């Protein structure tokens, strides 16, 4: 199976803190994969390095066989944990901004999703609730025709009913050859859409398996396994 992401001996240090410790990882094309771990485990750091926003201390990262850099930015659609769109922009402004900036942005898909999520096109970002801003950002990210989607807590700020729609949106709005890497704490909500998962603890990948294998061999859900492995 072809890989979309290869990480070799990747480490990232912030002063005396080792956020990622000699990580080796290969992710296949065409999968939805959960990046799971407690707070401070290095999930956001890993996503930012793959997105080209942080420089690793050591190691190699390849996206579709290319070193992370200007060339890979066109392959990756990244959703950060925090909202970054300016308060003065309207929803329509944000759509136009993404359309101008990304050649693979699908305007028709974005407008359809925003309509179904009841996001008003004429409202400014500062007029939207936190949950609605998060919906807006996710729509923008998922409306690109990328090869690798990096989603950092995409459903953390929305209500349970909206989570279901967003997860359905994630499944239904990406190419089968693309890969989605989702970082989240809401494992019970997302495990139904995951093909594979990674457990990250203190900067080290402690487990990488398929969700089906966990259910078949251990007779438990991914959420149950996570609670068992990361019990305080």
C-alpha atoms as a PDB file:
ATOM      1  CA  UNK A   1       0.000   0.000   0.000  1.00  0.00           C
ATOM      2  CA  UNK A   2       1.340   3.443  -0.934  1.00  0.00           C
ATOM      3  CA  UNK A   3       2.181   5.833   1.875  1.00  0.00           C
ATOM      4  CA  UNK A   4       1.265   9.520   2.120  1.00  0.00           C
ATOM      5  CA  UNK A   5       3.383  10.294   5.191  1.00  0.00           C
ATOM      6  CA  UNK A   6       6.728   8.936   6.332  1.00  0.00           C
ATOM      7  CA  UNK A   7       8.390  10.084   9.538  1.00  0.00           C
ATOM      8  CA  UNK A   8      11.836   8.863  10.510  1.00  0.00           C
ATOM      9  CA  UNK A   9      13.667   9.430  13.827  1.00  0.00           C
ATOM     10  CA  UNK A  10      11.669  12.617  14.413  1.00  0.00           C
ATOM     11  CA  UNK A  11      12.393  14.575  17.569  1.00  0.00           C
ATOM     12  CA  UNK A  12      11.359  18.045  18.714  1.00  0.00           C
ATOM     13  CA  UNK A  13      12.768  19.773  21.753  1.00  0.00           C
ATOM     14  CA  UNK A  14      11.558  22.984  23.409  1.00  0.00           C
ATOM     15  CA  UNK A  15      14.431  23.936  25.678  1.00  0.00           C
ATOM     16  CA  UNK A  16      14.736  21.087  28.171  1.00  0.00           C
ATOM     17  CA  UNK A  17      11.371  19.583  27.163  1.00  0.00           C
ATOM     18  CA  UNK A  18      11.375  16.739  24.631  1.00  0.00           C
ATOM     19  CA  UNK A  19       7.964  17.012  22.924  1.00  0.00           C
ATOM     20  CA  UNK A  20       8.627  14.267  20.348  1.00  0.00           C
ATOM     21  CA  UNK A  21      11.125  11.496  20.973  1.00  0.00           C
ATOM     22  CA  UNK A  22      12.563   9.621  17.978  1.00  0.00           C
ATOM     23  CA  UNK A  23       9.189   9.024  16.265  1.00  0.00           C
ATOM     24  CA  UNK A  24       8.989   6.575  13.351  1.00  0.00           C
ATOM     25  CA  UNK A  25       5.711   6.496  11.452  1.00  0.00           C
ATOM     26  CA  UNK A  26       4.256   5.525   8.081  1.00  0.00           C
ATOM     27  CA  UNK A  27       0.664   6.384   7.135  1.00  0.00           C
ATOM     28  CA  UNK A  28      -1.031   4.861   4.075  1.00  0.00           C
ATOM     29  CA  UNK A  29      -3.110   6.678   1.496  1.00  0.00           C
ATOM     30  CA  UNK A  30      -6.891   6.488   1.672  1.00  0.00           C
ATOM     31  CA  UNK A  31      -7.347   6.115   5.449  1.00  0.00           C
ATOM     32  CA  UNK A  32      -8.901   8.034   8.348  1.00  0.00           C
ATOM     33  CA  UNK A  33      -6.513   7.798  11.279  1.00  0.00           C
ATOM     34  CA  UNK A  34      -6.869   8.947  14.880  1.00  0.00           C
ATOM     35  CA  UNK A  35      -3.939  10.615  16.635  1.00  0.00           C
ATOM     36  CA  UNK A  36      -4.798   9.963  20.263  1.00  0.00           C
ATOM     37  CA  UNK A  37      -3.118  10.754  23.546  1.00  0.00           C
ATOM     38  CA  UNK A  38      -3.427  12.801  26.741  1.00  0.00           C
ATOM     39  CA  UNK A  39      -2.686  16.516  26.982  1.00  0.00           C
ATOM     40  CA  UNK A  40       0.978  17.287  26.465  1.00  0.00           C
ATOM     41  CA  UNK A  41       1.705  14.072  24.575  1.00  0.00           C
ATOM     42  CA  UNK A  42       3.004  15.877  21.456  1.00  0.00           C
ATOM     43  CA  UNK A  43       0.004  15.588  19.122  1.00  0.00           C
ATOM     44  CA  UNK A  44      -0.178  19.252  18.089  1.00  0.00           C
ATOM     45  CA  UNK A  45       3.606  19.437  17.738  1.00  0.00           C
ATOM     46  CA  UNK A  46       3.562  16.468  15.358  1.00  0.00           C
ATOM     47  CA  UNK A  47       0.777  17.985  13.243  1.00  0.00           C
ATOM     48  CA  UNK A  48       2.536  21.354  13.034  1.00  0.00           C
ATOM     49  CA  UNK A  49       5.799  19.750  11.927  1.00  0.00           C
ATOM     50  CA  UNK A  50       4.038  17.782   9.193  1.00  0.00           C
ATOM     51  CA  UNK A  51       2.207  20.959   8.128  1.00  0.00           C
ATOM     52  CA  UNK A  52       5.534  22.774   7.854  1.00  0.00           C
ATOM     53  CA  UNK A  53       4.821  25.223  10.681  1.00  0.00           C
ATOM     54  CA  UNK A  54       7.524  23.935  13.027  1.00  0.00           C
ATOM     55  CA  UNK A  55      11.072  22.812  12.331  1.00  0.00           C
ATOM     56  CA  UNK A  56      12.057  19.481  13.892  1.00  0.00           C
ATOM     57  CA  UNK A  57      15.120  19.219  16.085  1.00  0.00           C
ATOM     58  CA  UNK A  58      16.072  15.974  14.348  1.00  0.00           C
ATOM     59  CA  UNK A  59      14.583  13.593  11.825  1.00  0.00           C
ATOM     60  CA  UNK A  60      13.010  13.377   8.386  1.00  0.00           C
ATOM     61  CA  UNK A  61       9.406  13.995   7.315  1.00  0.00           C
ATOM     62  CA  UNK A  62       8.180  13.126   3.815  1.00  0.00           C
ATOM     63  CA  UNK A  63       4.707  13.910   2.449  1.00  0.00           C
ATOM     64  CA  UNK A  64       3.953  11.970  -0.731  1.00  0.00           C
ATOM     65  CA  UNK A  65       7.704  11.274  -0.977  1.00  0.00           C
ATOM     66  CA  UNK A  66       8.597  14.990  -0.770  1.00  0.00           C
ATOM     67  CA  UNK A  67      10.465  16.632   2.131  1.00  0.00           C
ATOM     68  CA  UNK A  68       8.222  19.018   4.050  1.00  0.00           C
ATOM     69  CA  UNK A  69       8.528  22.492   2.547  1.00  0.00           C
ATOM     70  CA  UNK A  70       6.903  24.810   0.034  1.00  0.00           C
ATOM     71  CA  UNK A  71       6.049  21.921  -2.286  1.00  0.00           C
ATOM     72  CA  UNK A  72       4.121  19.965   0.336  1.00  0.00           C
ATOM     73  CA  UNK A  73       1.948  22.882   1.465  1.00  0.00           C
ATOM     74  CA  UNK A  74      -0.204  22.371  -1.632  1.00  0.00           C
ATOM     75  CA  UNK A  75      -0.782  18.739  -0.606  1.00  0.00           C
ATOM     76  CA  UNK A  76      -1.841  19.411   2.979  1.00  0.00           C
ATOM     77  CA  UNK A  77      -5.013  20.943   4.406  1.00  0.00           C
ATOM     78  CA  UNK A  78      -4.441  21.827   8.075  1.00  0.00           C
ATOM     79  CA  UNK A  79      -7.015  22.679  10.738  1.00  0.00           C
ATOM     80  CA  UNK A  80      -5.353  24.189  13.836  1.00  0.00           C
ATOM     81  CA  UNK A  81      -6.813  23.835  17.296  1.00  0.00           C
ATOM     82  CA  UNK A  82      -7.392  27.571  17.628  1.00  0.00           C
ATOM     83  CA  UNK A  83      -9.439  29.858  15.393  1.00  0.00           C
ATOM     84  CA  UNK A  84      -7.199  32.029  13.220  1.00  0.00           C
ATOM     85  CA  UNK A  85      -9.624  33.851  10.904  1.00  0.00           C
ATOM     86  CA  UNK A  86      -9.740  37.656  11.493  1.00  0.00           C
ATOM     87  CA  UNK A  87     -12.776  38.943  13.402  1.00  0.00           C
ATOM     88  CA  UNK A  88     -13.587  41.549  10.729  1.00  0.00           C
ATOM     89  CA  UNK A  89     -13.988  38.981   7.926  1.00  0.00           C
ATOM     90  CA  UNK A  90     -17.452  37.832   6.903  1.00  0.00           C
ATOM     91  CA  UNK A  91     -18.125  34.199   6.043  1.00  0.00           C
ATOM     92  CA  UNK A  92     -18.166  35.176   2.345  1.00  0.00           C
ATOM     93  CA  UNK A  93     -14.808  36.950   2.795  1.00  0.00           C
ATOM     94  CA  UNK A  94     -13.329  33.743   4.216  1.00  0.00           C
ATOM     95  CA  UNK A  95     -14.599  31.704   1.283  1.00  0.00           C
ATOM     96  CA  UNK A  96     -13.098  34.175  -1.202  1.00  0.00           C
ATOM     97  CA  UNK A  97      -9.824  34.226   0.736  1.00  0.00           C
ATOM     98  CA  UNK A  98      -9.464  30.441   0.572  1.00  0.00           C
ATOM     99  CA  UNK A  99     -10.498  30.386  -3.096  1.00  0.00           C
ATOM    100  CA  UNK A 100      -7.791  32.959  -3.906  1.00  0.00           C
ATOM    101  CA  UNK A 101      -5.141  31.251  -1.807  1.00  0.00           C
ATOM    102  CA  UNK A 102      -5.716  27.562  -2.665  1.00  0.00           C
ATOM    103  CA  UNK A 103      -6.091  26.332  -6.240  1.00  0.00           C
ATOM    104  CA  UNK A 104      -7.805  23.145  -5.007  1.00  0.00           C
ATOM    105  CA  UNK A 105     -10.565  24.936  -3.062  1.00  0.00           C
ATOM    106  CA  UNK A 106     -14.088  23.759  -4.021  1.00  0.00           C
ATOM    107  CA  UNK A 107     -16.390  26.752  -3.566  1.00  0.00           C
ATOM    108  CA  UNK A 108     -19.580  24.833  -4.367  1.00  0.00           C
ATOM    109  CA  UNK A 109     -18.796  22.191  -1.750  1.00  0.00           C
ATOM    110  CA  UNK A 110     -18.025  24.854   0.858  1.00  0.00           C
ATOM    111  CA  UNK A 111     -21.284  26.731   0.281  1.00  0.00           C
ATOM    112  CA  UNK A 112     -23.322  23.519   0.446  1.00  0.00           C
ATOM    113  CA  UNK A 113     -21.802  22.526   3.783  1.00  0.00           C
ATOM    114  CA  UNK A 114     -22.223  25.996   5.269  1.00  0.00           C
ATOM    115  CA  UNK A 115     -25.877  26.023   4.234  1.00  0.00           C
ATOM    116  CA  UNK A 116     -26.491  22.637   5.859  1.00  0.00           C
ATOM    117  CA  UNK A 117     -24.741  23.853   9.020  1.00  0.00           C
ATOM    118  CA  UNK A 118     -26.853  27.053   9.031  1.00  0.00           C
ATOM    119  CA  UNK A 119     -23.826  29.356   8.928  1.00  0.00           C
ATOM    120  CA  UNK A 120     -24.940  32.798   7.628  1.00  0.00           C
ATOM    121  CA  UNK A 121     -22.762  34.032   4.772  1.00  0.00           C
ATOM    122  CA  UNK A 122     -23.073  37.741   5.658  1.00  0.00           C
ATOM    123  CA  UNK A 123     -22.030  37.465   9.322  1.00  0.00           C
ATOM    124  CA  UNK A 124     -18.613  38.579  10.510  1.00  0.00           C
ATOM    125  CA  UNK A 125     -16.439  36.114  12.395  1.00  0.00           C
ATOM    126  CA  UNK A 126     -16.746  38.162  15.596  1.00  0.00           C
ATOM    127  CA  UNK A 127     -20.542  37.752  15.401  1.00  0.00           C
ATOM    128  CA  UNK A 128     -20.382  33.956  15.322  1.00  0.00           C
ATOM    129  CA  UNK A 129     -20.362  31.698  18.371  1.00  0.00           C
ATOM    130  CA  UNK A 130     -17.238  29.685  19.168  1.00  0.00           C
ATOM    131  CA  UNK A 131     -18.878  26.512  17.864  1.00  0.00           C
ATOM    132  CA  UNK A 132     -19.993  28.190  14.629  1.00  0.00           C
ATOM    133  CA  UNK A 133     -16.488  29.564  14.029  1.00  0.00           C
ATOM    134  CA  UNK A 134     -15.143  26.035  14.434  1.00  0.00           C
ATOM    135  CA  UNK A 135     -17.689  24.757  11.914  1.00  0.00           C
ATOM    136  CA  UNK A 136     -16.588  27.508   9.534  1.00  0.00           C
ATOM    137  CA  UNK A 137     -12.920  26.594   9.785  1.00  0.00           C
ATOM    138  CA  UNK A 138     -13.606  22.899   9.291  1.00  0.00           C
ATOM    139  CA  UNK A 139     -15.692  23.590   6.187  1.00  0.00           C
ATOM    140  CA  UNK A 140     -12.871  25.660   4.703  1.00  0.00           C
ATOM    141  CA  UNK A 141     -10.316  22.940   5.379  1.00  0.00           C
ATOM    142  CA  UNK A 142     -12.470  20.068   4.097  1.00  0.00           C
ATOM    143  CA  UNK A 143     -13.417  21.992   0.947  1.00  0.00           C
ATOM    144  CA  UNK A 144      -9.897  21.668  -0.373  1.00  0.00           C
ATOM    145  CA  UNK A 145      -8.953  18.722  -2.624  1.00  0.00           C
ATOM    146  CA  UNK A 146      -5.875  17.868  -0.583  1.00  0.00           C
ATOM    147  CA  UNK A 147      -3.938  14.613  -0.270  1.00  0.00           C
ATOM    148  CA  UNK A 148      -3.429  14.872   3.501  1.00  0.00           C
ATOM    149  CA  UNK A 149      -5.807  16.507   5.975  1.00  0.00           C
ATOM    150  CA  UNK A 150      -4.475  17.338   9.440  1.00  0.00           C
ATOM    151  CA  UNK A 151      -7.329  18.064  11.867  1.00  0.00           C
ATOM    152  CA  UNK A 152      -6.480  19.230  15.399  1.00  0.00           C
ATOM    153  CA  UNK A 153      -9.547  18.815  17.649  1.00  0.00           C
ATOM    154  CA  UNK A 154     -12.110  19.379  14.853  1.00  0.00           C
ATOM    155  CA  UNK A 155     -15.187  18.648  16.998  1.00  0.00           C
ATOM    156  CA  UNK A 156     -14.124  19.845  20.431  1.00  0.00           C
ATOM    157  CA  UNK A 157     -16.286  22.972  20.542  1.00  0.00           C
ATOM    158  CA  UNK A 158     -19.540  21.814  18.947  1.00  0.00           C
ATOM    159  CA  UNK A 159     -22.631  20.091  20.328  1.00  0.00           C
ATOM    160  CA  UNK A 160     -23.123  16.300  20.009  1.00  0.00           C
ATOM    161  CA  UNK A 161     -25.705  16.541  17.200  1.00  0.00           C
ATOM    162  CA  UNK A 162     -23.395  18.755  15.150  1.00  0.00           C
ATOM    163  CA  UNK A 163     -20.504  16.356  15.800  1.00  0.00           C
ATOM    164  CA  UNK A 164     -22.378  13.631  13.964  1.00  0.00           C
ATOM    165  CA  UNK A 165     -22.915  15.867  10.941  1.00  0.00           C
ATOM    166  CA  UNK A 166     -19.303  17.032  10.956  1.00  0.00           C
ATOM    167  CA  UNK A 167     -18.029  13.451  11.089  1.00  0.00           C
ATOM    168  CA  UNK A 168     -20.352  12.516   8.243  1.00  0.00           C
ATOM    169  CA  UNK A 169     -19.012  15.566   6.381  1.00  0.00           C
ATOM    170  CA  UNK A 170     -15.436  14.429   6.945  1.00  0.00           C
ATOM    171  CA  UNK A 171     -16.227  10.964   5.597  1.00  0.00           C
ATOM    172  CA  UNK A 172     -18.251  12.160   2.629  1.00  0.00           C
ATOM    173  CA  UNK A 173     -16.077  15.040   1.484  1.00  0.00           C
ATOM    174  CA  UNK A 174     -12.624  13.718   0.861  1.00  0.00           C
ATOM    175  CA  UNK A 175     -11.085  11.745  -1.953  1.00  0.00           C
ATOM    176  CA  UNK A 176     -10.701   8.017  -1.299  1.00  0.00           C
ATOM    177  CA  UNK A 177      -7.003   8.370  -2.128  1.00  0.00           C
ATOM    178  CA  UNK A 178      -6.547  11.056   0.533  1.00  0.00           C
ATOM    179  CA  UNK A 179      -5.699  10.494   4.190  1.00  0.00           C
ATOM    180  CA  UNK A 180      -7.138  12.263   7.224  1.00  0.00           C
ATOM    181  CA  UNK A 181      -5.204  12.441  10.495  1.00  0.00           C
ATOM    182  CA  UNK A 182      -7.473  13.521  13.364  1.00  0.00           C
ATOM    183  CA  UNK A 183      -6.193  14.571  16.778  1.00  0.00           C
ATOM    184  CA  UNK A 184      -8.963  14.462  19.392  1.00  0.00           C
ATOM    185  CA  UNK A 185      -9.898  13.618  22.964  1.00  0.00           C
ATOM    186  CA  UNK A 186     -13.462  12.666  21.976  1.00  0.00           C
ATOM    187  CA  UNK A 187     -12.594   9.092  21.082  1.00  0.00           C
ATOM    188  CA  UNK A 188     -16.052   7.606  21.574  1.00  0.00           C
ATOM    189  CA  UNK A 189     -17.410  10.089  19.021  1.00  0.00           C
ATOM    190  CA  UNK A 190     -14.779   9.578  16.330  1.00  0.00           C
ATOM    191  CA  UNK A 191     -13.872   5.904  16.570  1.00  0.00           C
ATOM    192  CA  UNK A 192     -16.754   4.899  14.303  1.00  0.00           C
ATOM    193  CA  UNK A 193     -15.049   6.709  11.392  1.00  0.00           C
ATOM    194  CA  UNK A 194     -11.449   5.647  12.105  1.00  0.00           C
ATOM    195  CA  UNK A 195      -9.664   3.003  10.059  1.00  0.00           C
ATOM    196  CA  UNK A 196      -6.505   3.168  12.175  1.00  0.00           C
ATOM    197  CA  UNK A 197      -5.238   4.877  15.309  1.00  0.00           C
ATOM    198  CA  UNK A 198      -2.001   5.993  16.925  1.00  0.00           C
ATOM    199  CA  UNK A 199      -1.452   6.258  20.667  1.00  0.00           C
ATOM    200  CA  UNK A 200       1.060   8.996  21.492  1.00  0.00           C
ATOM    201  CA  UNK A 201       2.421   9.260  25.036  1.00  0.00           C
ATOM    202  CA  UNK A 202       5.166  11.647  26.176  1.00  0.00           C
ATOM    203  CA  UNK A 203       6.329  12.120  22.595  1.00  0.00           C
ATOM    204  CA  UNK A 204       6.516   8.402  21.796  1.00  0.00           C
ATOM    205  CA  UNK A 205       4.143   6.334  19.655  1.00  0.00           C
ATOM    206  CA  UNK A 206       3.189   3.431  21.895  1.00  0.00           C
ATOM    207  CA  UNK A 207       0.641   1.757  19.602  1.00  0.00           C
ATOM    208  CA  UNK A 208      -0.396   1.864  15.922  1.00  0.00           C
ATOM    209  CA  UNK A 209      -3.153  -0.518  14.866  1.00  0.00           C
ATOM    210  CA  UNK A 210      -6.492  -0.775  13.070  1.00  0.00           C
ATOM    211  CA  UNK A 211      -9.697  -0.177  14.985  1.00  0.00           C
ATOM    212  CA  UNK A 212     -11.110  -3.441  13.657  1.00  0.00           C
ATOM    213  CA  UNK A 213      -8.177  -5.377  15.086  1.00  0.00           C
ATOM    214  CA  UNK A 214      -8.779  -3.911  18.544  1.00  0.00           C
ATOM    215  CA  UNK A 215     -12.420  -4.965  18.468  1.00  0.00           C
ATOM    216  CA  UNK A 216     -11.678  -8.438  17.100  1.00  0.00           C
ATOM    217  CA  UNK A 217      -8.647  -9.383  19.183  1.00  0.00           C
ATOM    218  CA  UNK A 218      -9.340  -7.535  22.427  1.00  0.00           C
ATOM    219  CA  UNK A 219     -13.126  -7.437  22.410  1.00  0.00           C
ATOM    220  CA  UNK A 220     -13.299  -3.778  23.405  1.00  0.00           C
ATOM    221  CA  UNK A 221     -13.897  -0.398  21.866  1.00  0.00           C
ATOM    222  CA  UNK A 222     -11.095   2.015  21.082  1.00  0.00           C
ATOM    223  CA  UNK A 223     -12.425   4.328  23.793  1.00  0.00           C
ATOM    224  CA  UNK A 224     -12.208   1.516  26.346  1.00  0.00           C
ATOM    225  CA  UNK A 225      -8.668   0.676  25.259  1.00  0.00           C
ATOM    226  CA  UNK A 226      -7.626   4.321  25.493  1.00  0.00           C
ATOM    227  CA  UNK A 227      -9.003   4.638  29.032  1.00  0.00           C
ATOM    228  CA  UNK A 228      -7.188   1.463  30.020  1.00  0.00           C
ATOM    229  CA  UNK A 229      -3.838   2.441  28.502  1.00  0.00           C
ATOM    230  CA  UNK A 230      -3.865   6.052  29.723  1.00  0.00           C
ATOM    231  CA  UNK A 231      -5.522   5.540  33.110  1.00  0.00           C
ATOM    232  CA  UNK A 232      -4.147   8.029  35.657  1.00  0.00           C
END
